PDB file of N, CA and C in Angstrom:
ATOM      1  N   MET A   1       0.819  -1.197   0.000  1.00  0.00           N
ATOM      2  CA  MET A   1       0.000   0.000   0.000  1.00  0.00           C
ATOM      3  C   MET A   1       0.861   1.258   0.000  1.00  0.00           C
ATOM      4  N   THR A   2       2.014   1.217   0.666  1.00  0.00           N
ATOM      5  CA  THR A   2       2.865   2.391   0.691  1.00  0.00           C
ATOM      6  C   THR A   2       3.487   2.669  -0.671  1.00  0.00           C
ATOM      7  N   LYS A   3       3.695   1.622  -1.470  1.00  0.00           N
ATOM      8  CA  LYS A   3       4.238   1.825  -2.803  1.00  0.00           C
ATOM      9  C   LYS A   3       3.262   2.627  -3.669  1.00  0.00           C
ATOM     10  N   VAL A   4       2.003   2.342  -3.555  1.00  0.00           N
ATOM     11  CA  VAL A   4       0.999   3.050  -4.327  1.00  0.00           C
ATOM     12  C   VAL A   4       0.979   4.519  -3.928  1.00  0.00           C
ATOM     13  N   ARG A   5       0.974   4.767  -2.613  1.00  0.00           N
ATOM     14  CA  ARG A   5       0.990   6.151  -2.141  1.00  0.00           C
ATOM     15  C   ARG A   5       2.262   6.850  -2.583  1.00  0.00           C
ATOM     16  N   SER A   6       3.364   6.165  -2.487  1.00  0.00           N
ATOM     17  CA  SER A   6       4.643   6.740  -2.869  1.00  0.00           C
ATOM     18  C   SER A   6       4.650   7.084  -4.358  1.00  0.00           C
ATOM     19  N   SER A   7       4.133   6.194  -5.167  1.00  0.00           N
ATOM     20  CA  SER A   7       4.077   6.432  -6.606  1.00  0.00           C
ATOM     21  C   SER A   7       3.141   7.599  -6.916  1.00  0.00           C
ATOM     22  N   ALA A   8       2.026   7.657  -6.250  1.00  0.00           N
ATOM     23  CA  ALA A   8       1.075   8.749  -6.458  1.00  0.00           C
ATOM     24  C   ALA A   8       1.682  10.072  -6.012  1.00  0.00           C
ATOM     25  N   ALA A   9       2.407  10.074  -4.907  1.00  0.00           N
ATOM     26  CA  ALA A   9       3.043  11.296  -4.408  1.00  0.00           C
ATOM     27  C   ALA A   9       4.107  11.780  -5.380  1.00  0.00           C
ATOM     28  N   GLN A  10       4.870  10.819  -5.924  1.00  0.00           N
ATOM     29  CA  GLN A  10       5.901  11.197  -6.893  1.00  0.00           C
ATOM     30  C   GLN A  10       5.277  11.792  -8.139  1.00  0.00           C
ATOM     31  N   SER A  11       4.202  11.173  -8.588  1.00  0.00           N
ATOM     32  CA  SER A  11       3.509  11.667  -9.770  1.00  0.00           C
ATOM     33  C   SER A  11       2.977  13.073  -9.528  1.00  0.00           C
ATOM     34  N   SER A  12       2.435  13.291  -8.340  1.00  0.00           N
ATOM     35  CA  SER A  12       1.917  14.608  -7.991  1.00  0.00           C
ATOM     36  C   SER A  12       3.044  15.651  -7.951  1.00  0.00           C
ATOM     37  N   LEU A  13       4.169  15.270  -7.365  1.00  0.00           N
ATOM     38  CA  LEU A  13       5.306  16.192  -7.279  1.00  0.00           C
ATOM     39  C   LEU A  13       5.844  16.551  -8.667  1.00  0.00           C
ATOM     40  N   THR A  14       5.997  15.546  -9.504  1.00  0.00           N
ATOM     41  CA  THR A  14       6.502  15.835 -10.853  1.00  0.00           C
ATOM     42  C   THR A  14       5.518  16.684 -11.626  1.00  0.00           C
ATOM     43  N   SER A  15       4.236  16.464 -11.393  1.00  0.00           N
ATOM     44  CA  SER A  15       3.209  17.260 -12.055  1.00  0.00           C
ATOM     45  C   SER A  15       3.300  18.730 -11.630  1.00  0.00           C
ATOM     46  N   VAL A  16       3.497  18.962 -10.341  1.00  0.00           N
ATOM     47  CA  VAL A  16       3.609  20.328  -9.823  1.00  0.00           C
ATOM     48  C   VAL A  16       4.832  21.021 -10.411  1.00  0.00           C
ATOM     49  N   VAL A  17       5.962  20.332 -10.416  1.00  0.00           N
ATOM     50  CA  VAL A  17       7.187  20.930 -10.963  1.00  0.00           C
ATOM     51  C   VAL A  17       7.019  21.199 -12.449  1.00  0.00           C
ATOM     52  N   ARG A  18       6.409  20.246 -13.172  1.00  0.00           N
ATOM     53  CA  ARG A  18       6.180  20.428 -14.604  1.00  0.00           C
ATOM     54  C   ARG A  18       5.312  21.670 -14.861  1.00  0.00           C
ATOM     55  N   GLN A  19       4.271  21.828 -14.090  1.00  0.00           N
ATOM     56  CA  GLN A  19       3.380  22.986 -14.247  1.00  0.00           C
ATOM     57  C   GLN A  19       4.107  24.293 -13.916  1.00  0.00           C
ATOM     58  N   GLN A  20       4.915  24.266 -12.876  1.00  0.00           N
ATOM     59  CA  GLN A  20       5.670  25.465 -12.512  1.00  0.00           C
ATOM     60  C   GLN A  20       6.669  25.841 -13.602  1.00  0.00           C
ATOM     61  N   LEU A  21       7.291  24.845 -14.206  1.00  0.00           N
ATOM     62  CA  LEU A  21       8.227  25.121 -15.299  1.00  0.00           C
ATOM     63  C   LEU A  21       7.515  25.737 -16.499  1.00  0.00           C
ATOM     64  N   LEU A  22       6.296  25.315 -16.752  1.00  0.00           N
ATOM     65  CA  LEU A  22       5.516  25.905 -17.839  1.00  0.00           C
ATOM     66  C   LEU A  22       5.195  27.370 -17.548  1.00  0.00           C
ATOM     67  N   VAL A  23       4.930  27.676 -16.293  1.00  0.00           N
ATOM     68  CA  VAL A  23       4.701  29.074 -15.893  1.00  0.00           C
ATOM     69  C   VAL A  23       5.981  29.886 -16.104  1.00  0.00           C
ATOM     70  N   VAL A  24       7.111  29.341 -15.682  1.00  0.00           N
ATOM     71  CA  VAL A  24       8.398  30.014 -15.860  1.00  0.00           C
ATOM     72  C   VAL A  24       8.678  30.220 -17.342  1.00  0.00           C
ATOM     73  N   ASP A  25       8.330  29.251 -18.167  1.00  0.00           N
ATOM     74  CA  ASP A  25       8.520  29.362 -19.613  1.00  0.00           C
ATOM     75  C   ASP A  25       7.753  30.562 -20.165  1.00  0.00           C
ATOM     76  N   GLY A  26       6.528  30.720 -19.720  1.00  0.00           N
ATOM     77  CA  GLY A  26       5.731  31.876 -20.144  1.00  0.00           C
ATOM     78  C   GLY A  26       6.316  33.183 -19.637  1.00  0.00           C
ATOM     79  N   LEU A  27       6.779  33.183 -18.394  1.00  0.00           N
ATOM     80  CA  LEU A  27       7.402  34.378 -17.829  1.00  0.00           C
ATOM     81  C   LEU A  27       8.669  34.745 -18.587  1.00  0.00           C
ATOM     82  N   LEU A  28       9.431  33.733 -18.991  1.00  0.00           N
ATOM     83  CA  LEU A  28      10.644  33.969 -19.767  1.00  0.00           C
ATOM     84  C   LEU A  28      10.327  34.720 -21.048  1.00  0.00           C
ATOM     85  N   ASP A  29       9.287  34.299 -21.739  1.00  0.00           N
ATOM     86  CA  ASP A  29       8.889  34.993 -22.963  1.00  0.00           C
ATOM     87  C   ASP A  29       8.557  36.456 -22.684  1.00  0.00           C
ATOM     88  N   GLU A  30       7.785  36.680 -21.631  1.00  0.00           N
ATOM     89  CA  GLU A  30       7.367  38.046 -21.312  1.00  0.00           C
ATOM     90  C   GLU A  30       8.546  38.912 -20.894  1.00  0.00           C
ATOM     91  N   VAL A  31       9.389  38.388 -20.021  1.00  0.00           N
ATOM     92  CA  VAL A  31      10.544  39.147 -19.544  1.00  0.00           C
ATOM     93  C   VAL A  31      11.502  39.450 -20.685  1.00  0.00           C
ATOM     94  N   SER A  32      11.795  38.452 -21.508  1.00  0.00           N
ATOM     95  CA  SER A  32      12.743  38.674 -22.596  1.00  0.00           C
ATOM     96  C   SER A  32      12.176  39.651 -23.615  1.00  0.00           C
ATOM     97  N   ARG A  33      10.893  39.557 -23.919  1.00  0.00           N
ATOM     98  CA  ARG A  33      10.259  40.490 -24.856  1.00  0.00           C
ATOM     99  C   ARG A  33      10.348  41.926 -24.324  1.00  0.00           C
ATOM    100  N   ASN A  34      10.018  42.111 -23.046  1.00  0.00           N
ATOM    101  CA  ASN A  34      10.061  43.454 -22.456  1.00  0.00           C
ATOM    102  C   ASN A  34      11.484  43.991 -22.372  1.00  0.00           C
ATOM    103  N   TYR A  35      12.430  43.121 -22.075  1.00  0.00           N
ATOM    104  CA  TYR A  35      13.836  43.525 -21.997  1.00  0.00           C
ATOM    105  C   TYR A  35      14.331  44.012 -23.358  1.00  0.00           C
ATOM    106  N   VAL A  36      14.048  43.238 -24.385  1.00  0.00           N
ATOM    107  CA  VAL A  36      14.484  43.614 -25.734  1.00  0.00           C
ATOM    108  C   VAL A  36      13.768  44.888 -26.189  1.00  0.00           C
ATOM    109  N   LEU A  37      12.499  45.022 -25.874  1.00  0.00           N
ATOM    110  CA  LEU A  37      11.775  46.249 -26.226  1.00  0.00           C
ATOM    111  C   LEU A  37      12.405  47.468 -25.543  1.00  0.00           C
ATOM    112  N   ARG A  38      12.797  47.300 -24.284  1.00  0.00           N
ATOM    113  CA  ARG A  38      13.440  48.413 -23.570  1.00  0.00           C
ATOM    114  C   ARG A  38      14.746  48.793 -24.239  1.00  0.00           C
ATOM    115  N   LEU A  39      15.549  47.801 -24.614  1.00  0.00           N
ATOM    116  CA  LEU A  39      16.818  48.093 -25.287  1.00  0.00           C
ATOM    117  C   LEU A  39      16.574  48.819 -26.610  1.00  0.00           C
ATOM    118  N   HIS A  40      15.595  48.361 -27.381  1.00  0.00           N
ATOM    119  CA  HIS A  40      15.270  49.025 -28.645  1.00  0.00           C
ATOM    120  C   HIS A  40      14.827  50.472 -28.404  1.00  0.00           C
ATOM    121  N   ARG A  41      14.012  50.657 -27.376  1.00  0.00           N
ATOM    122  CA  ARG A  41      13.517  52.000 -27.043  1.00  0.00           C
ATOM    123  C   ARG A  41      14.688  52.924 -26.677  1.00  0.00           C
ATOM    124  N   GLU A  42      15.615  52.412 -25.869  1.00  0.00           N
ATOM    125  CA  GLU A  42      16.768  53.217 -25.459  1.00  0.00           C
ATOM    126  C   GLU A  42      17.673  53.542 -26.644  1.00  0.00           C
ATOM    127  N   ILE A  43      17.871  52.580 -27.528  1.00  0.00           N
ATOM    128  CA  ILE A  43      18.671  52.849 -28.735  1.00  0.00           C
ATOM    129  C   ILE A  43      17.986  53.911 -29.580  1.00  0.00           C
ATOM    130  N   GLY A  44      16.674  53.807 -29.721  1.00  0.00           N
ATOM    131  CA  GLY A  44      15.922  54.811 -30.484  1.00  0.00           C
ATOM    132  C   GLY A  44      16.080  56.204 -29.896  1.00  0.00           C
ATOM    133  N   GLN A  45      16.047  56.303 -28.578  1.00  0.00           N
ATOM    134  CA  GLN A  45      16.226  57.605 -27.921  1.00  0.00           C
ATOM    135  C   GLN A  45      17.624  58.162 -28.197  1.00  0.00           C
ATOM    136  N   LEU A  46      18.613  57.288 -28.142  1.00  0.00           N
ATOM    137  CA  LEU A  46      19.995  57.729 -28.397  1.00  0.00           C
ATOM    138  C   LEU A  46      20.158  58.196 -29.833  1.00  0.00           C
ATOM    139  N   VAL A  47      19.544  57.481 -30.762  1.00  0.00           N
ATOM    140  CA  VAL A  47      19.614  57.871 -32.173  1.00  0.00           C
ATOM    141  C   VAL A  47      18.968  59.237 -32.370  1.00  0.00           C
ATOM    142  N   ARG A  48      17.822  59.467 -31.729  1.00  0.00           N
ATOM    143  CA  ARG A  48      17.149  60.770 -31.858  1.00  0.00           C
ATOM    144  C   ARG A  48      18.000  61.899 -31.274  1.00  0.00           C
ATOM    145  N   ILE A  49      18.648  61.639 -30.154  1.00  0.00           N
ATOM    146  CA  ILE A  49      19.526  62.648 -29.553  1.00  0.00           C
ATOM    147  C   ILE A  49      20.670  62.980 -30.505  1.00  0.00           C
ATOM    148  N   LEU A  50      21.252  61.949 -31.102  1.00  0.00           N
ATOM    149  CA  LEU A  50      22.358  62.173 -32.035  1.00  0.00           C
ATOM    150  C   LEU A  50      21.884  62.916 -33.284  1.00  0.00           C
ATOM    151  N   GLN A  51      20.699  62.595 -33.779  1.00  0.00           N
ATOM    152  CA  GLN A  51      20.153  63.304 -34.937  1.00  0.00           C
ATOM    153  C   GLN A  51      19.921  64.775 -34.612  1.00  0.00           C
ATOM    154  N   LYS A  52      19.379  65.023 -33.441  1.00  0.00           N
ATOM    155  CA  LYS A  52      19.117  66.394 -33.010  1.00  0.00           C
ATOM    156  C   LYS A  52      20.435  67.172 -32.892  1.00  0.00           C
ATOM    157  N   THR A  53      21.444  66.530 -32.336  1.00  0.00           N
ATOM    158  CA  THR A  53      22.764  67.155 -32.195  1.00  0.00           C
ATOM    159  C   THR A  53      23.357  67.433 -33.563  1.00  0.00           C
ATOM    160  N   GLU A  54      23.191  66.500 -34.470  1.00  0.00           N
ATOM    161  CA  GLU A  54      23.728  66.659 -35.821  1.00  0.00           C
ATOM    162  C   GLU A  54      23.040  67.821 -36.539  1.00  0.00           C
ATOM    163  N   ARG A  55      21.731  67.918 -36.406  1.00  0.00           N
ATOM    164  CA  ARG A  55      20.987  69.017 -37.047  1.00  0.00           C
ATOM    165  C   ARG A  55      21.391  70.375 -36.475  1.00  0.00           C
ATOM    166  N   ALA A  56      21.669  70.405 -35.166  1.00  0.00           N
ATOM    167  CA  ALA A  56      22.066  71.662 -34.527  1.00  0.00           C
ATOM    168  C   ALA A  56      23.433  72.113 -35.047  1.00  0.00           C
ATOM    169  N   GLY A  57      24.250  71.159 -35.452  1.00  0.00           N
ATOM    170  CA  GLY A  57      25.539  71.484 -36.039  1.00  0.00           C
ATOM    171  C   GLY A  57      26.565  72.022 -35.069  1.00  0.00           C
ATOM    172  N   LYS A  58      26.356  71.850 -33.788  1.00  0.00           N
ATOM    173  CA  LYS A  58      27.310  72.354 -32.793  1.00  0.00           C
ATOM    174  C   LYS A  58      27.893  71.188 -32.009  1.00  0.00           C
ATOM    175  N   LEU A  59      29.114  70.864 -32.296  1.00  0.00           N
ATOM    176  CA  LEU A  59      29.808  69.849 -31.519  1.00  0.00           C
ATOM    177  C   LEU A  59      31.065  70.468 -30.923  1.00  0.00           C
ATOM    178  N   THR A  60      31.184  70.341 -29.649  1.00  0.00           N
ATOM    179  CA  THR A  60      32.397  70.836 -28.997  1.00  0.00           C
ATOM    180  C   THR A  60      33.542  69.868 -29.293  1.00  0.00           C
ATOM    181  N   ARG A  61      34.712  70.284 -28.976  1.00  0.00           N
ATOM    182  CA  ARG A  61      35.877  69.426 -29.161  1.00  0.00           C
ATOM    183  C   ARG A  61      35.729  68.157 -28.319  1.00  0.00           C
ATOM    184  N   ASP A  62      35.236  68.332 -27.087  1.00  0.00           N
ATOM    185  CA  ASP A  62      35.027  67.170 -26.212  1.00  0.00           C
ATOM    186  C   ASP A  62      33.981  66.211 -26.791  1.00  0.00           C
ATOM    187  N   ALA A  63      32.916  66.775 -27.362  1.00  0.00           N
ATOM    188  CA  ALA A  63      31.868  65.938 -27.951  1.00  0.00           C
ATOM    189  C   ALA A  63      32.421  65.147 -29.139  1.00  0.00           C
ATOM    190  N   LYS A  64      33.240  65.791 -29.953  1.00  0.00           N
ATOM    191  CA  LYS A  64      33.851  65.088 -31.092  1.00  0.00           C
ATOM    192  C   LYS A  64      34.755  63.956 -30.609  1.00  0.00           C
ATOM    193  N   ARG A  65      35.501  64.217 -29.552  1.00  0.00           N
ATOM    194  CA  ARG A  65      36.366  63.187 -28.981  1.00  0.00           C
ATOM    195  C   ARG A  65      35.528  62.031 -28.444  1.00  0.00           C
ATOM    196  N   ASP A  66      34.432  62.364 -27.750  1.00  0.00           N
ATOM    197  CA  ASP A  66      33.536  61.339 -27.223  1.00  0.00           C
ATOM    198  C   ASP A  66      32.949  60.478 -28.345  1.00  0.00           C
ATOM    199  N   LEU A  67      32.552  61.132 -29.440  1.00  0.00           N
ATOM    200  CA  LEU A  67      31.969  60.391 -30.553  1.00  0.00           C
ATOM    201  C   LEU A  67      32.985  59.437 -31.179  1.00  0.00           C
ATOM    202  N   LYS A  68      34.214  59.875 -31.292  1.00  0.00           N
ATOM    203  CA  LYS A  68      35.252  58.996 -31.842  1.00  0.00           C
ATOM    204  C   LYS A  68      35.465  57.782 -30.948  1.00  0.00           C
ATOM    205  N   LYS A  69      35.420  58.004 -29.634  1.00  0.00           N
ATOM    206  CA  LYS A  69      35.558  56.887 -28.700  1.00  0.00           C
ATOM    207  C   LYS A  69      34.374  55.925 -28.817  1.00  0.00           C
ATOM    208  N   LEU A  70      33.181  56.489 -28.985  1.00  0.00           N
ATOM    209  CA  LEU A  70      31.993  55.645 -29.126  1.00  0.00           C
ATOM    210  C   LEU A  70      32.053  54.830 -30.420  1.00  0.00           C
ATOM    211  N   ILE A  71      32.527  55.443 -31.488  1.00  0.00           N
ATOM    212  CA  ILE A  71      32.670  54.721 -32.757  1.00  0.00           C
ATOM    213  C   ILE A  71      33.604  53.532 -32.567  1.00  0.00           C
ATOM    214  N   ASP A  72      34.697  53.763 -31.870  1.00  0.00           N
ATOM    215  CA  ASP A  72      35.659  52.695 -31.612  1.00  0.00           C
ATOM    216  C   ASP A  72      35.029  51.603 -30.742  1.00  0.00           C
ATOM    217  N   LYS A  73      34.312  52.020 -29.707  1.00  0.00           N
ATOM    218  CA  LYS A  73      33.704  51.061 -28.772  1.00  0.00           C
ATOM    219  C   LYS A  73      32.654  50.204 -29.477  1.00  0.00           C
ATOM    220  N   VAL A  74      31.807  50.836 -30.271  1.00  0.00           N
ATOM    221  CA  VAL A  74      30.782  50.084 -30.993  1.00  0.00           C
ATOM    222  C   VAL A  74      31.445  49.147 -32.005  1.00  0.00           C
ATOM    223  N   GLY A  75      32.495  49.606 -32.638  1.00  0.00           N
ATOM    224  CA  GLY A  75      33.210  48.785 -33.606  1.00  0.00           C
ATOM    225  C   GLY A  75      33.865  47.562 -32.990  1.00  0.00           C
ATOM    226  N   ARG A  76      34.224  47.651 -31.727  1.00  0.00           N
ATOM    227  CA  ARG A  76      34.871  46.532 -31.036  1.00  0.00           C
ATOM    228  C   ARG A  76      33.884  45.585 -30.357  1.00  0.00           C
ATOM    229  N   LEU A  77      32.597  45.895 -30.451  1.00  0.00           N
ATOM    230  CA  LEU A  77      31.572  45.056 -29.825  1.00  0.00           C
ATOM    231  C   LEU A  77      31.583  43.675 -30.471  1.00  0.00           C
ATOM    232  N   GLN A  78      31.800  42.667 -29.663  1.00  0.00           N
ATOM    233  CA  GLN A  78      31.838  41.291 -30.167  1.00  0.00           C
ATOM    234  C   GLN A  78      30.596  40.543 -29.702  1.00  0.00           C
ATOM    235  N   ILE A  79      29.761  40.237 -30.660  1.00  0.00           N
ATOM    236  CA  ILE A  79      28.495  39.587 -30.381  1.00  0.00           C
ATOM    237  C   ILE A  79      28.361  38.378 -31.307  1.00  0.00           C
ATOM    238  N   SER A  80      27.816  37.309 -30.774  1.00  0.00           N
ATOM    239  CA  SER A  80      27.516  36.119 -31.583  1.00  0.00           C
ATOM    240  C   SER A  80      26.012  35.848 -31.487  1.00  0.00           C
ATOM    241  N   PRO A  81      25.209  36.529 -32.313  1.00  0.00           N
ATOM    242  CA  PRO A  81      23.755  36.410 -32.193  1.00  0.00           C
ATOM    243  C   PRO A  81      23.240  34.981 -32.371  1.00  0.00           C
ATOM    244  N   GLU A  82      23.918  34.205 -33.174  1.00  0.00           N
ATOM    245  CA  GLU A  82      23.446  32.847 -33.418  1.00  0.00           C
ATOM    246  C   GLU A  82      23.532  31.971 -32.180  1.00  0.00           C
ATOM    247  N   LYS A  83      24.345  32.356 -31.221  1.00  0.00           N
ATOM    248  CA  LYS A  83      24.488  31.551 -29.999  1.00  0.00           C
ATOM    249  C   LYS A  83      23.440  31.905 -28.948  1.00  0.00           C
ATOM    250  N   GLY A  84      22.844  33.089 -29.050  1.00  0.00           N
ATOM    251  CA  GLY A  84      21.798  33.483 -28.112  1.00  0.00           C
ATOM    252  C   GLY A  84      22.255  33.517 -26.664  1.00  0.00           C
ATOM    253  N   ARG A  85      23.391  34.135 -26.415  1.00  0.00           N
ATOM    254  CA  ARG A  85      23.958  34.129 -25.057  1.00  0.00           C
ATOM    255  C   ARG A  85      23.541  35.357 -24.264  1.00  0.00           C
ATOM    256  N   ARG A  86      23.374  35.150 -22.946  1.00  0.00           N
ATOM    257  CA  ARG A  86      23.058  36.259 -22.041  1.00  0.00           C
ATOM    258  C   ARG A  86      24.158  37.301 -22.045  1.00  0.00           C
ATOM    259  N   LYS A  87      25.407  36.846 -22.151  1.00  0.00           N
ATOM    260  CA  LYS A  87      26.506  37.810 -22.085  1.00  0.00           C
ATOM    261  C   LYS A  87      26.483  38.761 -23.276  1.00  0.00           C
ATOM    262  N   ASP A  88      25.941  38.323 -24.421  1.00  0.00           N
ATOM    263  CA  ASP A  88      25.820  39.225 -25.563  1.00  0.00           C
ATOM    264  C   ASP A  88      24.779  40.305 -25.281  1.00  0.00           C
ATOM    265  N   LEU A  89      23.664  39.913 -24.680  1.00  0.00           N
ATOM    266  CA  LEU A  89      22.653  40.901 -24.290  1.00  0.00           C
ATOM    267  C   LEU A  89      23.227  41.869 -23.260  1.00  0.00           C
ATOM    268  N   LYS A  90      24.003  41.338 -22.347  1.00  0.00           N
ATOM    269  CA  LYS A  90      24.625  42.180 -21.320  1.00  0.00           C
ATOM    270  C   LYS A  90      25.582  43.179 -21.955  1.00  0.00           C
ATOM    271  N   ARG A  91      26.355  42.728 -22.930  1.00  0.00           N
ATOM    272  CA  ARG A  91      27.286  43.631 -23.614  1.00  0.00           C
ATOM    273  C   ARG A  91      26.538  44.754 -24.326  1.00  0.00           C
ATOM    274  N   ILE A  92      25.443  44.412 -24.980  1.00  0.00           N
ATOM    275  CA  ILE A  92      24.646  45.430 -25.660  1.00  0.00           C
ATOM    276  C   ILE A  92      24.058  46.401 -24.644  1.00  0.00           C
ATOM    277  N   ASP A  93      23.526  45.882 -23.559  1.00  0.00           N
ATOM    278  CA  ASP A  93      22.938  46.717 -22.508  1.00  0.00           C
ATOM    279  C   ASP A  93      23.995  47.654 -21.921  1.00  0.00           C
ATOM    280  N   GLU A  94      25.182  47.127 -21.672  1.00  0.00           N
ATOM    281  CA  GLU A  94      26.262  47.957 -21.124  1.00  0.00           C
ATOM    282  C   GLU A  94      26.691  49.034 -22.118  1.00  0.00           C
ATOM    283  N   LEU A  95      26.740  48.685 -23.392  1.00  0.00           N
ATOM    284  CA  LEU A  95      27.099  49.669 -24.416  1.00  0.00           C
ATOM    285  C   LEU A  95      26.077  50.799 -24.449  1.00  0.00           C
ATOM    286  N   ILE A  96      24.812  50.450 -24.404  1.00  0.00           N
ATOM    287  CA  ILE A  96      23.755  51.464 -24.390  1.00  0.00           C
ATOM    288  C   ILE A  96      23.937  52.382 -23.183  1.00  0.00           C
ATOM    289  N   GLY A  97      24.218  51.799 -22.030  1.00  0.00           N
ATOM    290  CA  GLY A  97      24.439  52.598 -20.821  1.00  0.00           C
ATOM    291  C   GLY A  97      25.622  53.538 -20.962  1.00  0.00           C
ATOM    292  N   GLU A  98      26.695  53.060 -21.585  1.00  0.00           N
ATOM    293  CA  GLU A  98      27.875  53.908 -21.780  1.00  0.00           C
ATOM    294  C   GLU A  98      27.564  55.064 -22.726  1.00  0.00           C
ATOM    295  N   VAL A  99      26.842  54.786 -23.792  1.00  0.00           N
ATOM    296  CA  VAL A  99      26.472  55.848 -24.734  1.00  0.00           C
ATOM    297  C   VAL A  99      25.572  56.862 -24.038  1.00  0.00           C
ATOM    298  N   GLN A 100      24.623  56.374 -23.243  1.00  0.00           N
ATOM    299  CA  GLN A 100      23.746  57.278 -22.496  1.00  0.00           C
ATOM    300  C   GLN A 100      24.562  58.180 -21.579  1.00  0.00           C
ATOM    301  N   SER A 101      25.530  57.613 -20.887  1.00  0.00           N
ATOM    302  CA  SER A 101      26.372  58.398 -19.980  1.00  0.00           C
ATOM    303  C   SER A 101      27.128  59.489 -20.723  1.00  0.00           C
ATOM    304  N   VAL A 102      27.652  59.142 -21.869  1.00  0.00           N
ATOM    305  CA  VAL A 102      28.396  60.123 -22.665  1.00  0.00           C
ATOM    306  C   VAL A 102      27.484  61.250 -23.130  1.00  0.00           C
ATOM    307  N   LEU A 103      26.329  60.884 -23.662  1.00  0.00           N
ATOM    308  CA  LEU A 103      25.414  61.908 -24.191  1.00  0.00           C
ATOM    309  C   LEU A 103      24.824  62.782 -23.098  1.00  0.00           C
ATOM    310  N   GLU A 104      24.677  62.223 -21.910  1.00  0.00           N
ATOM    311  CA  GLU A 104      24.153  63.025 -20.791  1.00  0.00           C
ATOM    312  C   GLU A 104      25.143  64.092 -20.346  1.00  0.00           C
ATOM    313  N   ARG A 105      26.427  63.864 -20.588  1.00  0.00           N
ATOM    314  CA  ARG A 105      27.438  64.851 -20.203  1.00  0.00           C
ATOM    315  C   ARG A 105      27.428  66.073 -21.123  1.00  0.00           C
ATOM    316  N   TRP A 106      26.857  65.949 -22.302  1.00  0.00           N
ATOM    317  CA  TRP A 106      26.851  67.065 -23.247  1.00  0.00           C
ATOM    318  C   TRP A 106      25.884  68.070 -22.750  1.00  0.00           C
TER     319      TRP A 106
END
């Protein structure tokens, strides 16, 4: 009789874990979608700031130096999109943060 209860308990436990993993799977989709949308939004804001600066036609010597550094930094960004790694997303996120910091100083 204990074997039956034990088997039923195991089945119940695996069922609970399986259901929880399905919930996590759905959360993963939502979190990753929102994260990527935020990154796109931030890049869009940076592009608009740069366009506005370009139209104004006023770049200080420091701003020109900053832009050259950013060009170099973006050029050195090493990403392997086909691998789908967290560290690639982190690198992109960090780059966006660095660009934001530079543009905020202007």
